[in-house]
Amino acid sequence: MSTYFSQFRFSYQALFSIGFRPFFLLGSLFAVVLMLLWIMQLRGAFTPGMAHLGIYGALNLVILVMLIIGGRVIPFFTERATPDYKGKRIGFIEKAVVPVAVVLFFYRLSTGIGIAKS
C-alpha cells in the first residue's frame, strides 16, 4: 500500500518536496544575516563614513541585474511573444552576458568608479 509521502522518497530532495521552496530558506537566512549586521552596527563595528559604500554597492548590483535582464530575459520574451519573430540568436553572445556583467561589476568595485570619497 502506497502512502502520499512514499511517492516522494526517491524522486525529490527534502528541500524541494511537498511544496517547500528554497526561497523560504534563503529569506530566513537573509533575515539572520541582517540581524547580525544590525547588532554589529549597534556595537560600533561600522564607521559613519561607510554609508556611501552601501549605496554604490546597491547601485552596482542594480546595474548588474539590469544587464542580465536586458541581455537574457527581454530577447527571450520577445521571441516567445511575437509569432512572426525572425531574429537570429547568437549563442556565444547569449552565454557571455552574465560573465561580462560580473566582470564589470567587480571592476567597478575594485577601481572605485562611482564611489564618492568622503
N, C-alpha and C. Protein backbone atom coordinates (compact mmCIF):
# COMPACT_ATOMS: atom_id res chain seq x y z
N MET A 1 0.84 -1.17 0.00
CA MET A 1 0.00 0.00 0.00
C MET A 1 0.88 1.24 0.00
N SER A 2 0.58 2.15 -0.86
CA SER A 2 1.40 3.35 -1.03
C SER A 2 0.80 4.51 -0.24
N THR A 3 1.67 5.23 0.43
CA THR A 3 1.22 6.44 1.12
C THR A 3 1.59 7.65 0.30
N TYR A 4 1.09 8.79 0.73
CA TYR A 4 1.35 10.03 0.00
C TYR A 4 2.84 10.37 0.00
N PHE A 5 3.50 10.18 1.14
CA PHE A 5 4.90 10.57 1.25
C PHE A 5 5.84 9.57 0.59
N SER A 6 5.42 8.35 0.40
CA SER A 6 6.32 7.36 -0.19
C SER A 6 6.59 7.63 -1.66
N GLN A 7 5.71 8.34 -2.33
CA GLN A 7 5.94 8.63 -3.74
C GLN A 7 7.05 9.66 -3.94
N PHE A 8 7.42 10.40 -2.89
CA PHE A 8 8.47 11.39 -2.99
C PHE A 8 9.81 10.86 -2.48
N ARG A 9 9.87 9.62 -2.09
CA ARG A 9 11.06 9.10 -1.42
C ARG A 9 12.31 9.21 -2.28
N PHE A 10 12.25 8.81 -3.52
CA PHE A 10 13.45 8.78 -4.35
C PHE A 10 13.43 9.82 -5.46
N SER A 11 12.33 10.50 -5.64
CA SER A 11 12.24 11.39 -6.79
C SER A 11 12.66 12.83 -6.49
N TYR A 12 12.59 13.27 -5.22
CA TYR A 12 12.91 14.65 -4.90
C TYR A 12 13.80 14.70 -3.67
N GLN A 13 14.53 15.78 -3.58
CA GLN A 13 15.28 16.03 -2.35
C GLN A 13 14.34 16.61 -1.32
N ALA A 14 14.79 16.64 -0.08
CA ALA A 14 13.92 17.09 1.01
C ALA A 14 13.50 18.55 0.85
N LEU A 15 14.38 19.40 0.36
CA LEU A 15 14.06 20.82 0.26
C LEU A 15 13.03 21.12 -0.82
N PHE A 16 12.91 20.25 -1.81
CA PHE A 16 12.02 20.53 -2.92
C PHE A 16 10.72 19.74 -2.87
N SER A 17 10.51 18.94 -1.85
CA SER A 17 9.32 18.10 -1.80
C SER A 17 8.18 18.79 -1.06
N ILE A 18 6.99 18.39 -1.36
CA ILE A 18 5.76 18.79 -0.69
C ILE A 18 5.61 20.32 -0.63
N GLY A 19 5.86 20.97 -1.72
CA GLY A 19 5.58 22.40 -1.81
C GLY A 19 6.59 23.33 -1.19
N PHE A 20 7.62 22.83 -0.51
CA PHE A 20 8.60 23.72 0.09
C PHE A 20 9.49 24.29 -1.00
N ARG A 21 9.74 25.56 -0.94
CA ARG A 21 10.60 26.20 -1.92
C ARG A 21 11.83 26.77 -1.23
N PRO A 22 12.97 26.74 -1.89
CA PRO A 22 14.20 27.19 -1.24
C PRO A 22 14.23 28.67 -0.91
N PHE A 23 13.36 29.48 -1.53
CA PHE A 23 13.42 30.90 -1.21
C PHE A 23 12.95 31.19 0.20
N PHE A 24 12.15 30.31 0.80
CA PHE A 24 11.81 30.47 2.22
C PHE A 24 13.07 30.30 3.07
N LEU A 25 13.88 29.32 2.73
CA LEU A 25 15.13 29.10 3.44
C LEU A 25 16.07 30.28 3.24
N LEU A 26 16.18 30.76 2.00
CA LEU A 26 17.05 31.90 1.74
C LEU A 26 16.56 33.16 2.43
N GLY A 27 15.26 33.36 2.48
CA GLY A 27 14.70 34.51 3.18
C GLY A 27 15.00 34.48 4.67
N SER A 28 14.90 33.32 5.27
CA SER A 28 15.20 33.22 6.70
C SER A 28 16.69 33.41 6.97
N LEU A 29 17.55 32.88 6.10
CA LEU A 29 18.99 33.10 6.26
C LEU A 29 19.34 34.58 6.08
N PHE A 30 18.69 35.23 5.13
CA PHE A 30 18.92 36.65 4.91
C PHE A 30 18.51 37.47 6.13
N ALA A 31 17.39 37.08 6.76
CA ALA A 31 16.94 37.78 7.96
C ALA A 31 17.95 37.62 9.10
N VAL A 32 18.52 36.45 9.24
CA VAL A 32 19.53 36.23 10.29
C VAL A 32 20.77 37.06 10.02
N VAL A 33 21.21 37.11 8.77
CA VAL A 33 22.39 37.91 8.42
C VAL A 33 22.12 39.39 8.68
N LEU A 34 20.94 39.87 8.33
CA LEU A 34 20.62 41.28 8.59
C LEU A 34 20.60 41.59 10.08
N MET A 35 20.08 40.68 10.88
CA MET A 35 20.08 40.91 12.33
C MET A 35 21.50 40.96 12.88
N LEU A 36 22.38 40.09 12.38
CA LEU A 36 23.77 40.11 12.82
C LEU A 36 24.46 41.41 12.41
N LEU A 37 24.19 41.87 11.19
CA LEU A 37 24.76 43.15 10.75
C LEU A 37 24.23 44.31 11.58
N TRP A 38 22.97 44.26 11.94
CA TRP A 38 22.37 45.31 12.76
C TRP A 38 23.02 45.34 14.14
N ILE A 39 23.23 44.18 14.73
CA ILE A 39 23.90 44.12 16.04
C ILE A 39 25.32 44.65 15.93
N MET A 40 26.02 44.30 14.86
CA MET A 40 27.39 44.82 14.67
C MET A 40 27.37 46.34 14.54
N GLN A 41 26.38 46.88 13.83
CA GLN A 41 26.29 48.32 13.67
C GLN A 41 26.00 49.00 15.00
N LEU A 42 25.15 48.40 15.82
CA LEU A 42 24.85 48.98 17.13
C LEU A 42 26.06 48.95 18.06
N ARG A 43 26.93 47.98 17.89
CA ARG A 43 28.13 47.88 18.73
C ARG A 43 29.29 48.73 18.20
N GLY A 44 29.09 49.41 17.07
CA GLY A 44 30.10 50.32 16.56
C GLY A 44 31.10 49.71 15.60
N ALA A 45 30.74 48.62 14.95
CA ALA A 45 31.67 47.97 14.03
C ALA A 45 31.83 48.75 12.73
N PHE A 46 30.84 49.54 12.38
CA PHE A 46 30.89 50.30 11.14
C PHE A 46 31.03 51.78 11.47
N THR A 47 31.90 52.45 10.75
CA THR A 47 32.10 53.88 10.98
C THR A 47 31.07 54.68 10.18
N PRO A 48 30.81 55.93 10.59
CA PRO A 48 29.79 56.73 9.89
C PRO A 48 30.11 57.01 8.42
N GLY A 49 31.36 56.98 8.03
CA GLY A 49 31.72 57.29 6.64
C GLY A 49 31.55 56.14 5.68
N MET A 50 30.93 55.05 6.09
CA MET A 50 30.82 53.89 5.22
C MET A 50 29.48 53.80 4.49
N ALA A 51 28.60 54.78 4.67
CA ALA A 51 27.26 54.70 4.06
C ALA A 51 27.32 54.72 2.54
N HIS A 52 28.26 55.49 1.99
CA HIS A 52 28.34 55.58 0.53
C HIS A 52 28.72 54.24 -0.09
N LEU A 53 29.44 53.39 0.64
CA LEU A 53 29.79 52.08 0.09
C LEU A 53 28.55 51.21 -0.10
N GLY A 54 27.63 51.28 0.83
CA GLY A 54 26.39 50.52 0.69
C GLY A 54 25.52 51.04 -0.44
N ILE A 55 25.47 52.36 -0.57
CA ILE A 55 24.64 52.96 -1.63
C ILE A 55 25.19 52.60 -3.00
N TYR A 56 26.48 52.77 -3.20
CA TYR A 56 27.05 52.47 -4.51
C TYR A 56 27.17 50.97 -4.75
N GLY A 57 27.30 50.18 -3.70
CA GLY A 57 27.25 48.73 -3.87
C GLY A 57 25.89 48.29 -4.37
N ALA A 58 24.83 48.87 -3.80
CA ALA A 58 23.48 48.55 -4.25
C ALA A 58 23.26 49.04 -5.68
N LEU A 59 23.79 50.21 -6.02
CA LEU A 59 23.67 50.72 -7.38
C LEU A 59 24.37 49.79 -8.37
N ASN A 60 25.56 49.32 -8.01
CA ASN A 60 26.28 48.39 -8.88
C ASN A 60 25.51 47.08 -9.04
N LEU A 61 24.86 46.64 -7.99
CA LEU A 61 24.07 45.42 -8.07
C LEU A 61 22.86 45.61 -8.99
N VAL A 62 22.22 46.77 -8.93
CA VAL A 62 21.10 47.05 -9.82
C VAL A 62 21.57 47.09 -11.28
N ILE A 63 22.73 47.68 -11.52
CA ILE A 63 23.28 47.71 -12.88
C ILE A 63 23.55 46.30 -13.38
N LEU A 64 24.10 45.45 -12.52
CA LEU A 64 24.35 44.06 -12.89
C LEU A 64 23.06 43.33 -13.25
N VAL A 65 22.03 43.51 -12.44
CA VAL A 65 20.75 42.84 -12.71
C VAL A 65 20.14 43.36 -14.00
N MET A 66 20.22 44.66 -14.25
CA MET A 66 19.64 45.21 -15.47
C MET A 66 20.39 44.72 -16.71
N LEU A 67 21.70 44.55 -16.62
CA LEU A 67 22.45 43.98 -17.74
C LEU A 67 22.00 42.55 -18.04
N ILE A 68 21.80 41.79 -16.99
CA ILE A 68 21.37 40.40 -17.18
C ILE A 68 19.96 40.36 -17.75
N ILE A 69 19.07 41.18 -17.23
CA ILE A 69 17.70 41.20 -17.74
C ILE A 69 17.67 41.69 -19.18
N GLY A 70 18.43 42.74 -19.47
CA GLY A 70 18.44 43.26 -20.83
C GLY A 70 19.05 42.31 -21.83
N GLY A 71 20.02 41.53 -21.40
CA GLY A 71 20.71 40.65 -22.33
C GLY A 71 20.10 39.28 -22.46
N ARG A 72 19.37 38.82 -21.46
CA ARG A 72 18.86 37.45 -21.49
C ARG A 72 17.33 37.37 -21.50
N VAL A 73 16.69 38.11 -20.63
CA VAL A 73 15.25 37.92 -20.43
C VAL A 73 14.43 38.61 -21.51
N ILE A 74 14.76 39.84 -21.84
CA ILE A 74 13.97 40.58 -22.82
C ILE A 74 13.98 39.91 -24.20
N PRO A 75 15.13 39.48 -24.74
CA PRO A 75 15.07 38.76 -26.02
C PRO A 75 14.30 37.44 -25.95
N PHE A 76 14.37 36.76 -24.82
CA PHE A 76 13.63 35.50 -24.66
C PHE A 76 12.13 35.74 -24.75
N PHE A 77 11.63 36.76 -24.05
CA PHE A 77 10.20 37.03 -24.09
C PHE A 77 9.77 37.62 -25.43
N THR A 78 10.63 38.38 -26.08
CA THR A 78 10.30 38.91 -27.40
C THR A 78 10.13 37.77 -28.40
N GLU A 79 11.01 36.80 -28.32
CA GLU A 79 10.92 35.66 -29.23
C GLU A 79 9.64 34.86 -29.00
N ARG A 80 9.26 34.70 -27.75
CA ARG A 80 8.08 33.89 -27.43
C ARG A 80 6.76 34.66 -27.66
N ALA A 81 6.79 35.98 -27.55
CA ALA A 81 5.56 36.77 -27.61
C ALA A 81 5.13 37.12 -29.02
N THR A 82 6.07 37.22 -29.94
CA THR A 82 5.71 37.60 -31.30
C THR A 82 5.74 36.37 -32.20
N PRO A 83 4.63 36.08 -32.87
CA PRO A 83 4.58 34.86 -33.69
C PRO A 83 5.44 34.94 -34.95
N ASP A 84 5.70 36.13 -35.46
CA ASP A 84 6.47 36.28 -36.69
C ASP A 84 7.92 36.67 -36.44
N TYR A 85 8.45 36.31 -35.30
CA TYR A 85 9.82 36.70 -34.94
C TYR A 85 10.81 35.98 -35.84
N LYS A 86 11.66 36.75 -36.51
CA LYS A 86 12.65 36.18 -37.42
C LYS A 86 14.07 36.53 -36.99
N GLY A 87 14.25 36.86 -35.73
CA GLY A 87 15.56 37.26 -35.25
C GLY A 87 16.55 36.10 -35.24
N LYS A 88 17.82 36.47 -35.25
CA LYS A 88 18.88 35.47 -35.25
C LYS A 88 19.50 35.42 -33.86
N ARG A 89 19.60 34.23 -33.31
CA ARG A 89 20.20 34.06 -31.99
C ARG A 89 21.66 33.66 -32.15
N ILE A 90 22.51 34.37 -31.43
CA ILE A 90 23.94 34.08 -31.46
C ILE A 90 24.31 33.52 -30.09
N GLY A 91 24.66 32.26 -30.07
CA GLY A 91 24.84 31.53 -28.82
C GLY A 91 25.92 32.08 -27.91
N PHE A 92 27.10 32.41 -28.46
CA PHE A 92 28.18 32.85 -27.58
C PHE A 92 27.90 34.21 -26.97
N ILE A 93 27.13 35.05 -27.65
CA ILE A 93 26.77 36.34 -27.07
C ILE A 93 25.79 36.14 -25.92
N GLU A 94 24.83 35.25 -26.09
CA GLU A 94 23.88 34.99 -25.02
C GLU A 94 24.57 34.41 -23.79
N LYS A 95 25.55 33.56 -24.00
CA LYS A 95 26.25 32.95 -22.87
C LYS A 95 27.27 33.89 -22.25
N ALA A 96 27.69 34.92 -22.96
CA ALA A 96 28.71 35.83 -22.45
C ALA A 96 28.14 36.98 -21.64
N VAL A 97 26.83 37.17 -21.62
CA VAL A 97 26.24 38.32 -20.94
C VAL A 97 26.52 38.28 -19.44
N VAL A 98 26.27 37.16 -18.81
CA VAL A 98 26.43 37.07 -17.35
C VAL A 98 27.90 37.21 -16.93
N PRO A 99 28.86 36.49 -17.54
CA PRO A 99 30.25 36.69 -17.12
C PRO A 99 30.76 38.11 -17.35
N VAL A 100 30.37 38.73 -18.46
CA VAL A 100 30.81 40.10 -18.71
C VAL A 100 30.22 41.05 -17.68
N ALA A 101 28.96 40.87 -17.32
CA ALA A 101 28.34 41.72 -16.31
C ALA A 101 29.01 41.55 -14.95
N VAL A 102 29.37 40.33 -14.60
CA VAL A 102 30.04 40.09 -13.32
C VAL A 102 31.43 40.72 -13.32
N VAL A 103 32.15 40.59 -14.42
CA VAL A 103 33.48 41.21 -14.52
C VAL A 103 33.38 42.73 -14.41
N LEU A 104 32.40 43.33 -15.08
CA LEU A 104 32.21 44.78 -14.98
C LEU A 104 31.84 45.20 -13.56
N PHE A 105 31.02 44.39 -12.90
CA PHE A 105 30.63 44.68 -11.51
C PHE A 105 31.85 44.71 -10.60
N PHE A 106 32.71 43.70 -10.69
CA PHE A 106 33.89 43.67 -9.83
C PHE A 106 34.94 44.69 -10.25
N TYR A 107 34.99 45.03 -11.54
CA TYR A 107 35.90 46.09 -11.99
C TYR A 107 35.50 47.42 -11.38
N ARG A 108 34.19 47.71 -11.40
CA ARG A 108 33.72 48.97 -10.80
C ARG A 108 34.01 49.01 -9.31
N LEU A 109 33.86 47.88 -8.63
CA LEU A 109 34.15 47.86 -7.20
C LEU A 109 35.63 48.03 -6.92
N SER A 110 36.48 47.41 -7.75
CA SER A 110 37.92 47.47 -7.48
C SER A 110 38.53 48.82 -7.81
N THR A 111 38.01 49.50 -8.82
CA THR A 111 38.59 50.78 -9.20
C THR A 111 37.96 51.96 -8.48
N GLY A 112 36.81 51.74 -7.85
CA GLY A 112 36.16 52.83 -7.14
C GLY A 112 35.37 53.74 -8.03
N ILE A 113 35.02 53.29 -9.23
CA ILE A 113 34.21 54.11 -10.13
C ILE A 113 32.83 54.29 -9.51
N GLY A 114 32.40 55.52 -9.35
CA GLY A 114 31.09 55.79 -8.79
C GLY A 114 31.05 55.82 -7.28
N ILE A 115 32.18 55.63 -6.63
CA ILE A 115 32.20 55.66 -5.17
C ILE A 115 32.70 57.03 -4.74
N ALA A 116 31.85 57.75 -4.06
CA ALA A 116 32.21 59.10 -3.61
C ALA A 116 33.19 59.01 -2.45
N LYS A 117 34.21 59.81 -2.51
CA LYS A 117 35.20 59.86 -1.42
C LYS A 117 34.77 60.90 -0.42
N SER A 118 34.76 60.52 0.85
CA SER A 118 34.35 61.49 1.88
C SER A 118 35.55 62.04 2.60
